[in-house]
Amino acid sequence: MWAPLLSAVALTLLPVHKVSASQTPSYRVHPKSTAVRMGETVTLYCSFHGLRNKPVMWLGPPNFQVIASGRDVDAKKYGRHAIVGDARRGEFNLKIRDVKPTDEGDYRCTVFSVPPAKDARITVIVPPPSPPTITGETTELRAGKGLVLTCRSVGGRPLPSLSWYNGTERIHIPAADEDVGNAPGEVSLVLLLRFLSKWDNRANLTCRSDQGYPDVVRPQQTSTILNVQYSPTVKADQPSVTVTEGQPANLTCHAEGNP
């Protein structure tokens, strides 16, 4: 008896990945907000996956005007701007040199058909031209009396916030003591000490102005040393001394005062 001849054929199916020429680009790096000091250079980074010759647009202030299309920048309007990076890696970074206050604002890096990333903001910092000033009497003070000092800072963008320090310890200023009657472009802060003691003599009081961007502009400060006059006090080392007649005696007292 003949047995039927059975044959089996095993087929292995491999997945096929189809690459579309119209693949939608996506962000590799999206621009981030930053702060820069006036006159320096800043770069906003932006890159994409799968660009496939689709143009990258940079828009910016004022009112999201077109700064660049692809790597082309309008040199007449944006002579300090350039597109830098490796185009083969989809890098279209916006570089601005000699930054000016007019460069402050929101920027957008986008490609047609791709939902834009969150806008990046450039904040331009202009430091005050000089440290803050301190006005008020500091050299002929008397214990038991009060003290009023005013710290004032002029200029800067943004305007700095002011604070007072005794040595390294910050002094809390009640809102009622703050000076709000400032001229445009000027800030001031009043320090009111209602009662001075001898322990305040030689105190180092510092006014610090801070624009809130310590990585870009370091805070500026001015200090003054108090000269508090107080009545002298006299103290003997021992209230009484017992000695033998004819022998020397040593009596010591200490006097402290200013002056």
C-alpha atoms as a PDB file:
ATOM      1  CA  MET A   1       0.000   0.000   0.000  1.00  0.00           C
ATOM      2  CA  TRP A   2       1.337   3.346  -1.035  1.00  0.00           C
ATOM      3  CA  ALA A   3       1.357   6.064   1.631  1.00  0.00           C
ATOM      4  CA  PRO A   4       0.365   9.567   0.447  1.00  0.00           C
ATOM      5  CA  LEU A   5       3.229  11.916   0.006  1.00  0.00           C
ATOM      6  CA  LEU A   6       2.763  15.011   2.150  1.00  0.00           C
ATOM      7  CA  SER A   7       4.865  18.110   1.716  1.00  0.00           C
ATOM      8  CA  ALA A   8       4.867  21.235   3.850  1.00  0.00           C
ATOM      9  CA  VAL A   9       6.071  24.605   2.832  1.00  0.00           C
ATOM     10  CA  ALA A  10       6.947  27.084   5.599  1.00  0.00           C
ATOM     11  CA  LEU A  11       6.692  30.739   4.742  1.00  0.00           C
ATOM     12  CA  THR A  12       8.156  33.481   6.888  1.00  0.00           C
ATOM     13  CA  LEU A  13       6.533  36.866   6.484  1.00  0.00           C
ATOM     14  CA  LEU A  14       8.728  39.880   7.265  1.00  0.00           C
ATOM     15  CA  PRO A  15       7.231  43.257   8.067  1.00  0.00           C
ATOM     16  CA  VAL A  16       7.753  45.852   5.433  1.00  0.00           C
ATOM     17  CA  HIS A  17       8.383  49.464   6.564  1.00  0.00           C
ATOM     18  CA  LYS A  18       7.237  51.923   4.021  1.00  0.00           C
ATOM     19  CA  VAL A  19       9.008  55.258   4.068  1.00  0.00           C
ATOM     20  CA  SER A  20       6.838  58.042   2.803  1.00  0.00           C
ATOM     21  CA  ALA A  21       8.419  60.934   0.988  1.00  0.00           C
ATOM     22  CA  SER A  22       5.795  63.165   2.547  1.00  0.00           C
ATOM     23  CA  GLN A  23       6.646  62.237   6.156  1.00  0.00           C
ATOM     24  CA  THR A  24       5.668  65.108   8.475  1.00  0.00           C
ATOM     25  CA  PRO A  25       8.647  66.831  10.127  1.00  0.00           C
ATOM     26  CA  SER A  26       8.859  67.049  13.901  1.00  0.00           C
ATOM     27  CA  TYR A  27      10.879  69.098  16.354  1.00  0.00           C
ATOM     28  CA  ARG A  28      14.193  67.726  17.572  1.00  0.00           C
ATOM     29  CA  VAL A  29      15.001  70.861  19.588  1.00  0.00           C
ATOM     30  CA  HIS A  30      12.560  73.696  20.141  1.00  0.00           C
ATOM     31  CA  PRO A  31      13.672  77.220  21.139  1.00  0.00           C
ATOM     32  CA  LYS A  32      13.650  78.188  24.807  1.00  0.00           C
ATOM     33  CA  SER A  33      13.227  81.558  26.480  1.00  0.00           C
ATOM     34  CA  THR A  34      16.416  83.230  27.634  1.00  0.00           C
ATOM     35  CA  ALA A  35      17.830  86.476  28.986  1.00  0.00           C
ATOM     36  CA  VAL A  36      20.848  88.296  27.564  1.00  0.00           C
ATOM     37  CA  ARG A  37      22.789  91.407  28.466  1.00  0.00           C
ATOM     38  CA  MET A  38      22.579  94.285  26.001  1.00  0.00           C
ATOM     39  CA  GLY A  39      25.480  94.258  23.540  1.00  0.00           C
ATOM     40  CA  GLU A  40      26.165  90.526  23.838  1.00  0.00           C
ATOM     41  CA  THR A  41      25.275  87.637  21.498  1.00  0.00           C
ATOM     42  CA  VAL A  42      22.376  85.227  21.947  1.00  0.00           C
ATOM     43  CA  THR A  43      21.370  82.065  20.071  1.00  0.00           C
ATOM     44  CA  LEU A  44      17.928  80.461  19.966  1.00  0.00           C
ATOM     45  CA  TYR A  45      18.257  76.772  19.078  1.00  0.00           C
ATOM     46  CA  CYS A  46      15.776  75.036  16.773  1.00  0.00           C
ATOM     47  CA  SER A  47      16.112  71.780  14.817  1.00  0.00           C
ATOM     48  CA  PHE A  48      13.829  69.218  13.141  1.00  0.00           C
ATOM     49  CA  HIS A  49      13.563  65.575  12.173  1.00  0.00           C
ATOM     50  CA  GLY A  50      12.542  64.768   8.600  1.00  0.00           C
ATOM     51  CA  LEU A  51      12.538  68.222   7.061  1.00  0.00           C
ATOM     52  CA  ARG A  52      12.927  66.952   3.467  1.00  0.00           C
ATOM     53  CA  ASN A  53      13.583  70.427   2.034  1.00  0.00           C
ATOM     54  CA  LYS A  54      10.646  72.050   3.747  1.00  0.00           C
ATOM     55  CA  PRO A  55      11.550  75.653   4.647  1.00  0.00           C
ATOM     56  CA  VAL A  56      11.992  76.660   8.281  1.00  0.00           C
ATOM     57  CA  MET A  57      10.579  80.054   9.198  1.00  0.00           C
ATOM     58  CA  TRP A  58      11.768  82.306  12.018  1.00  0.00           C
ATOM     59  CA  LEU A  59       9.310  84.979  13.158  1.00  0.00           C
ATOM     60  CA  GLY A  60       9.973  87.646  15.750  1.00  0.00           C
ATOM     61  CA  PRO A  61       9.285  91.100  17.114  1.00  0.00           C
ATOM     62  CA  PRO A  62       7.556  93.241  16.416  1.00  0.00           C
ATOM     63  CA  ASN A  63       4.320  91.309  15.782  1.00  0.00           C
ATOM     64  CA  PHE A  64       5.987  88.109  14.550  1.00  0.00           C
ATOM     65  CA  GLN A  65       7.494  89.541  11.385  1.00  0.00           C
ATOM     66  CA  VAL A  66       9.430  87.145   9.143  1.00  0.00           C
ATOM     67  CA  ILE A  67      13.113  87.218  10.078  1.00  0.00           C
ATOM     68  CA  ALA A  68      14.323  84.283   8.006  1.00  0.00           C
ATOM     69  CA  SER A  69      13.044  81.716   5.533  1.00  0.00           C
ATOM     70  CA  GLY A  70      15.308  78.713   5.383  1.00  0.00           C
ATOM     71  CA  ARG A  71      18.792  80.155   5.813  1.00  0.00           C
ATOM     72  CA  ASP A  72      17.987  83.437   4.082  1.00  0.00           C
ATOM     73  CA  VAL A  73      17.800  86.519   6.301  1.00  0.00           C
ATOM     74  CA  ASP A  74      16.694  89.980   5.217  1.00  0.00           C
ATOM     75  CA  ALA A  75      20.046  91.705   5.687  1.00  0.00           C
ATOM     76  CA  LYS A  76      18.578  95.199   5.374  1.00  0.00           C
ATOM     77  CA  LYS A  77      16.170  94.749   8.275  1.00  0.00           C
ATOM     78  CA  TYR A  78      18.062  92.113  10.262  1.00  0.00           C
ATOM     79  CA  GLY A  79      21.740  92.745   9.627  1.00  0.00           C
ATOM     80  CA  ARG A  80      22.725  91.431  13.077  1.00  0.00           C
ATOM     81  CA  HIS A  81      20.797  88.158  12.634  1.00  0.00           C
ATOM     82  CA  ALA A  82      21.978  84.883  11.073  1.00  0.00           C
ATOM     83  CA  ILE A  83      20.843  81.270  10.747  1.00  0.00           C
ATOM     84  CA  VAL A  84      23.563  78.895  11.976  1.00  0.00           C
ATOM     85  CA  GLY A  85      23.945  75.145  12.479  1.00  0.00           C
ATOM     86  CA  ASP A  86      24.206  72.011  10.332  1.00  0.00           C
ATOM     87  CA  ALA A  87      21.395  72.053   7.769  1.00  0.00           C
ATOM     88  CA  ARG A  88      21.893  68.326   7.115  1.00  0.00           C
ATOM     89  CA  ARG A  89      20.876  67.706  10.714  1.00  0.00           C
ATOM     90  CA  GLY A  90      17.900  70.004  10.431  1.00  0.00           C
ATOM     91  CA  GLU A  91      19.517  72.751  12.535  1.00  0.00           C
ATOM     92  CA  PHE A  92      18.205  76.262  11.955  1.00  0.00           C
ATOM     93  CA  ASN A  93      19.423  78.210  14.988  1.00  0.00           C
ATOM     94  CA  LEU A  94      18.819  81.947  15.142  1.00  0.00           C
ATOM     95  CA  LYS A  95      21.911  83.924  16.221  1.00  0.00           C
ATOM     96  CA  ILE A  96      21.666  87.618  17.128  1.00  0.00           C
ATOM     97  CA  ARG A  97      24.808  89.632  17.808  1.00  0.00           C
ATOM     98  CA  ASP A  98      25.131  93.014  19.535  1.00  0.00           C
ATOM     99  CA  VAL A  99      21.717  92.552  21.155  1.00  0.00           C
ATOM    100  CA  LYS A 100      19.619  95.719  21.554  1.00  0.00           C
ATOM    101  CA  PRO A 101      16.487  96.451  23.619  1.00  0.00           C
ATOM    102  CA  THR A 102      14.434  96.330  20.403  1.00  0.00           C
ATOM    103  CA  ASP A 103      15.319  92.620  20.096  1.00  0.00           C
ATOM    104  CA  GLU A 104      13.285  91.841  23.210  1.00  0.00           C
ATOM    105  CA  GLY A 105      10.094  89.908  22.551  1.00  0.00           C
ATOM    106  CA  ASP A 106       8.651  86.556  21.447  1.00  0.00           C
ATOM    107  CA  TYR A 107      10.212  84.399  18.706  1.00  0.00           C
ATOM    108  CA  ARG A 108       8.763  81.471  16.791  1.00  0.00           C
ATOM    109  CA  CYS A 109      10.524  78.725  14.822  1.00  0.00           C
ATOM    110  CA  THR A 110       8.099  76.857  12.584  1.00  0.00           C
ATOM    111  CA  VAL A 111       7.611  74.684   9.507  1.00  0.00           C
ATOM    112  CA  PHE A 112       4.456  74.609   7.409  1.00  0.00           C
ATOM    113  CA  SER A 113       2.090  71.774   8.442  1.00  0.00           C
ATOM    114  CA  VAL A 114       3.862  71.314  11.809  1.00  0.00           C
ATOM    115  CA  PRO A 115       2.092  72.654  14.916  1.00  0.00           C
ATOM    116  CA  PRO A 116       4.480  75.350  16.202  1.00  0.00           C
ATOM    117  CA  ALA A 117       6.328  74.895  19.461  1.00  0.00           C
ATOM    118  CA  LYS A 118       5.781  77.292  22.330  1.00  0.00           C
ATOM    119  CA  ASP A 119       7.167  80.741  21.533  1.00  0.00           C
ATOM    120  CA  ALA A 120      10.557  81.623  23.051  1.00  0.00           C
ATOM    121  CA  ARG A 121      11.060  85.013  24.654  1.00  0.00           C
ATOM    122  CA  ILE A 122      14.281  87.017  24.663  1.00  0.00           C
ATOM    123  CA  THR A 123      14.614  89.366  27.625  1.00  0.00           C
ATOM    124  CA  VAL A 124      17.252  92.056  27.159  1.00  0.00           C
ATOM    125  CA  ILE A 125      18.924  93.190  30.387  1.00  0.00           C
ATOM    126  CA  VAL A 126      20.350  96.709  30.645  1.00  0.00           C
ATOM    127  CA  PRO A 127      22.253  97.135  33.946  1.00  0.00           C
ATOM    128  CA  PRO A 128      21.951 100.391  35.891  1.00  0.00           C
ATOM    129  CA  PRO A 129      24.880 102.664  34.984  1.00  0.00           C
ATOM    130  CA  SER A 130      26.093 102.790  38.600  1.00  0.00           C
ATOM    131  CA  PRO A 131      25.546 101.098  41.979  1.00  0.00           C
ATOM    132  CA  PRO A 132      22.760 102.372  44.225  1.00  0.00           C
ATOM    133  CA  THR A 133      23.352 105.454  46.392  1.00  0.00           C
ATOM    134  CA  ILE A 134      22.703 105.822  50.122  1.00  0.00           C
ATOM    135  CA  THR A 135      21.650 109.171  51.585  1.00  0.00           C
ATOM    136  CA  GLY A 136      21.127 110.079  55.218  1.00  0.00           C
ATOM    137  CA  GLU A 137      23.252 110.807  58.298  1.00  0.00           C
ATOM    138  CA  THR A 138      25.586 107.966  59.278  1.00  0.00           C
ATOM    139  CA  THR A 139      28.537 109.646  61.047  1.00  0.00           C
ATOM    140  CA  GLU A 140      27.049 111.656  63.937  1.00  0.00           C
ATOM    141  CA  LEU A 141      24.363 109.378  65.319  1.00  0.00           C
ATOM    142  CA  ARG A 142      23.432 109.052  69.000  1.00  0.00           C
ATOM    143  CA  ALA A 143      22.258 106.061  70.975  1.00  0.00           C
ATOM    144  CA  GLY A 144      18.581 106.354  71.841  1.00  0.00           C
ATOM    145  CA  LYS A 145      17.807 108.269  68.651  1.00  0.00           C
ATOM    146  CA  GLY A 146      16.480 107.017  65.334  1.00  0.00           C
ATOM    147  CA  LEU A 147      18.001 106.629  61.873  1.00  0.00           C
ATOM    148  CA  VAL A 148      16.576 107.170  58.380  1.00  0.00           C
ATOM    149  CA  LEU A 149      18.553 106.088  55.312  1.00  0.00           C
ATOM    150  CA  THR A 150      17.355 106.105  51.704  1.00  0.00           C
ATOM    151  CA  CYS A 151      18.709 103.798  49.013  1.00  0.00           C
ATOM    152  CA  ARG A 152      18.142 104.930  45.440  1.00  0.00           C
ATOM    153  CA  SER A 153      18.894 103.339  42.062  1.00  0.00           C
ATOM    154  CA  VAL A 154      18.501 105.089  38.705  1.00  0.00           C
ATOM    155  CA  GLY A 155      18.183 103.412  35.308  1.00  0.00           C
ATOM    156  CA  GLY A 156      18.335  99.808  34.209  1.00  0.00           C
ATOM    157  CA  ARG A 157      15.986  97.498  32.338  1.00  0.00           C
ATOM    158  CA  PRO A 158      14.146  95.969  34.028  1.00  0.00           C
ATOM    159  CA  LEU A 159      14.277  98.279  37.036  1.00  0.00           C
ATOM    160  CA  PRO A 160      16.006  96.504  39.935  1.00  0.00           C
ATOM    161  CA  SER A 161      14.421  95.611  43.247  1.00  0.00           C
ATOM    162  CA  LEU A 162      16.161  97.020  46.336  1.00  0.00           C
ATOM    163  CA  SER A 163      16.871  95.392  49.691  1.00  0.00           C
ATOM    164  CA  TRP A 164      18.744  96.308  52.888  1.00  0.00           C
ATOM    165  CA  TYR A 165      21.226  94.107  54.760  1.00  0.00           C
ATOM    166  CA  ASN A 166      22.886  94.340  58.162  1.00  0.00           C
ATOM    167  CA  GLY A 167      26.078  92.484  57.440  1.00  0.00           C
ATOM    168  CA  THR A 168      24.837  89.330  55.686  1.00  0.00           C
ATOM    169  CA  GLU A 169      21.368  89.348  57.275  1.00  0.00           C
ATOM    170  CA  ARG A 170      18.533  90.820  55.245  1.00  0.00           C
ATOM    171  CA  ILE A 171      16.465  93.499  56.998  1.00  0.00           C
ATOM    172  CA  HIS A 172      12.698  93.234  56.699  1.00  0.00           C
ATOM    173  CA  ILE A 173      11.254  96.561  55.557  1.00  0.00           C
ATOM    174  CA  PRO A 174       7.591  97.149  56.490  1.00  0.00           C
ATOM    175  CA  ALA A 175       5.494  98.198  53.521  1.00  0.00           C
ATOM    176  CA  ALA A 176       4.620 101.453  55.310  1.00  0.00           C
ATOM    177  CA  ASP A 177       8.295 102.485  55.211  1.00  0.00           C
ATOM    178  CA  GLU A 178       8.705 101.974  51.458  1.00  0.00           C
ATOM    179  CA  ASP A 179       9.131 105.094  49.322  1.00  0.00           C
ATOM    180  CA  VAL A 180       6.717 104.963  46.401  1.00  0.00           C
ATOM    181  CA  GLY A 181       7.159 108.551  45.171  1.00  0.00           C
ATOM    182  CA  ASN A 182       9.848 107.787  42.589  1.00  0.00           C
ATOM    183  CA  ALA A 183      10.600 109.563  39.340  1.00  0.00           C
ATOM    184  CA  PRO A 184      10.379 107.492  36.104  1.00  0.00           C
ATOM    185  CA  GLY A 185      13.315 105.113  35.797  1.00  0.00           C
ATOM    186  CA  GLU A 186      14.106 105.346  39.503  1.00  0.00           C
ATOM    187  CA  VAL A 187      13.487 103.102  42.509  1.00  0.00           C
ATOM    188  CA  SER A 188      14.186 103.787  46.176  1.00  0.00           C
ATOM    189  CA  LEU A 189      13.795 102.086  49.530  1.00  0.00           C
ATOM    190  CA  VAL A 190      13.842 103.728  52.965  1.00  0.00           C
ATOM    191  CA  LEU A 191      15.433 102.082  56.000  1.00  0.00           C
ATOM    192  CA  LEU A 192      13.969 103.337  59.288  1.00  0.00           C
ATOM    193  CA  LEU A 193      15.566 102.330  62.590  1.00  0.00           C
ATOM    194  CA  ARG A 194      13.537 103.870  65.395  1.00  0.00           C
ATOM    195  CA  PHE A 195      16.019 103.258  68.216  1.00  0.00           C
ATOM    196  CA  LEU A 196      19.800 102.993  68.030  1.00  0.00           C
ATOM    197  CA  SER A 197      21.949 101.438  70.749  1.00  0.00           C
ATOM    198  CA  LYS A 198      25.683 101.270  71.300  1.00  0.00           C
ATOM    199  CA  TRP A 199      25.617  97.830  69.714  1.00  0.00           C
ATOM    200  CA  ASP A 200      24.742  99.486  66.389  1.00  0.00           C
ATOM    201  CA  ASN A 201      28.075 101.315  66.334  1.00  0.00           C
ATOM    202  CA  ARG A 202      30.238 100.099  63.426  1.00  0.00           C
ATOM    203  CA  ALA A 203      27.275  98.260  61.909  1.00  0.00           C
ATOM    204  CA  ASN A 204      27.755  97.604  58.194  1.00  0.00           C
ATOM    205  CA  LEU A 205      24.530  98.482  56.361  1.00  0.00           C
ATOM    206  CA  THR A 206      24.302  97.511  52.698  1.00  0.00           C
ATOM    207  CA  CYS A 207      21.769  98.354  50.009  1.00  0.00           C
ATOM    208  CA  ARG A 208      21.606  95.833  47.166  1.00  0.00           C
ATOM    209  CA  SER A 209      19.959  96.289  43.764  1.00  0.00           C
ATOM    210  CA  ASP A 210      18.973  93.102  41.933  1.00  0.00           C
ATOM    211  CA  GLN A 211      17.394  92.845  38.472  1.00  0.00           C
ATOM    212  CA  GLY A 212      16.459  89.212  39.035  1.00  0.00           C
ATOM    213  CA  TYR A 213      18.838  87.644  36.478  1.00  0.00           C
ATOM    214  CA  PRO A 214      21.992  86.794  38.487  1.00  0.00           C
ATOM    215  CA  ASP A 215      23.368  84.567  35.690  1.00  0.00           C
ATOM    216  CA  VAL A 216      23.308  87.569  33.328  1.00  0.00           C
ATOM    217  CA  VAL A 217      23.945  90.604  35.552  1.00  0.00           C
ATOM    218  CA  ARG A 218      25.354  90.443  39.054  1.00  0.00           C
ATOM    219  CA  PRO A 219      23.544  92.481  41.723  1.00  0.00           C
ATOM    220  CA  GLN A 220      25.148  95.820  42.614  1.00  0.00           C
ATOM    221  CA  GLN A 221      25.486  97.114  46.153  1.00  0.00           C
ATOM    222  CA  THR A 222      26.672 100.026  48.291  1.00  0.00           C
ATOM    223  CA  SER A 223      27.583  99.914  51.989  1.00  0.00           C
ATOM    224  CA  THR A 224      27.972 102.404  54.817  1.00  0.00           C
ATOM    225  CA  ILE A 225      29.380 102.072  58.346  1.00  0.00           C
ATOM    226  CA  LEU A 226      27.426 103.613  61.232  1.00  0.00           C
ATOM    227  CA  ASN A 227      29.145 105.809  63.811  1.00  0.00           C
ATOM    228  CA  VAL A 228      26.846 105.745  66.861  1.00  0.00           C
ATOM    229  CA  GLN A 229      27.933 107.946  69.780  1.00  0.00           C
ATOM    230  CA  TYR A 230      27.043 106.815  73.300  1.00  0.00           C
ATOM    231  CA  SER A 231      27.947 107.826  76.840  1.00  0.00           C
ATOM    232  CA  PRO A 232      30.931 106.078  78.450  1.00  0.00           C
ATOM    233  CA  THR A 233      30.518 103.370  81.044  1.00  0.00           C
ATOM    234  CA  VAL A 234      33.157 102.593  83.670  1.00  0.00           C
ATOM    235  CA  LYS A 235      33.613  99.203  85.277  1.00  0.00           C
ATOM    236  CA  ALA A 236      36.202  98.006  87.827  1.00  0.00           C
ATOM    237  CA  ASP A 237      37.575  94.489  87.674  1.00  0.00           C
ATOM    238  CA  GLN A 238      37.021  94.044  91.461  1.00  0.00           C
ATOM    239  CA  PRO A 239      34.629  95.984  93.687  1.00  0.00           C
ATOM    240  CA  SER A 240      37.152  95.915  96.586  1.00  0.00           C
ATOM    241  CA  VAL A 241      40.781  94.918  97.212  1.00  0.00           C
ATOM    242  CA  THR A 242      42.437  93.847 100.477  1.00  0.00           C
ATOM    243  CA  VAL A 243      46.114  94.777 100.819  1.00  0.00           C
ATOM    244  CA  THR A 244      48.790  94.880 103.502  1.00  0.00           C
ATOM    245  CA  GLU A 245      49.916  98.290 104.665  1.00  0.00           C
ATOM    246  CA  GLY A 246      53.033  99.360 102.839  1.00  0.00           C
ATOM    247  CA  GLN A 247      52.528  96.891  99.974  1.00  0.00           C
ATOM    248  CA  PRO A 248      51.609  97.914  96.396  1.00  0.00           C
ATOM    249  CA  ALA A 249      48.005  97.558  95.250  1.00  0.00           C
ATOM    250  CA  ASN A 250      46.791  97.024  91.678  1.00  0.00           C
ATOM    251  CA  LEU A 251      43.433  98.592  90.792  1.00  0.00           C
ATOM    252  CA  THR A 252      42.065  98.248  87.245  1.00  0.00           C
ATOM    253  CA  CYS A 253      38.984  99.756  85.624  1.00  0.00           C
ATOM    254  CA  HIS A 254      37.645  99.716  82.081  1.00  0.00           C
ATOM    255  CA  ALA A 255      35.938 102.632  80.363  1.00  0.00           C
ATOM    256  CA  GLU A 256      33.960 102.300  77.107  1.00  0.00           C
ATOM    257  CA  GLY A 257      32.293 105.020  75.103  1.00  0.00           C
ATOM    258  CA  ASN A 258      32.093 106.769  71.741  1.00  0.00           C
ATOM    259  CA  PRO A 259      33.714 109.192  71.552  1.00  0.00           C
END
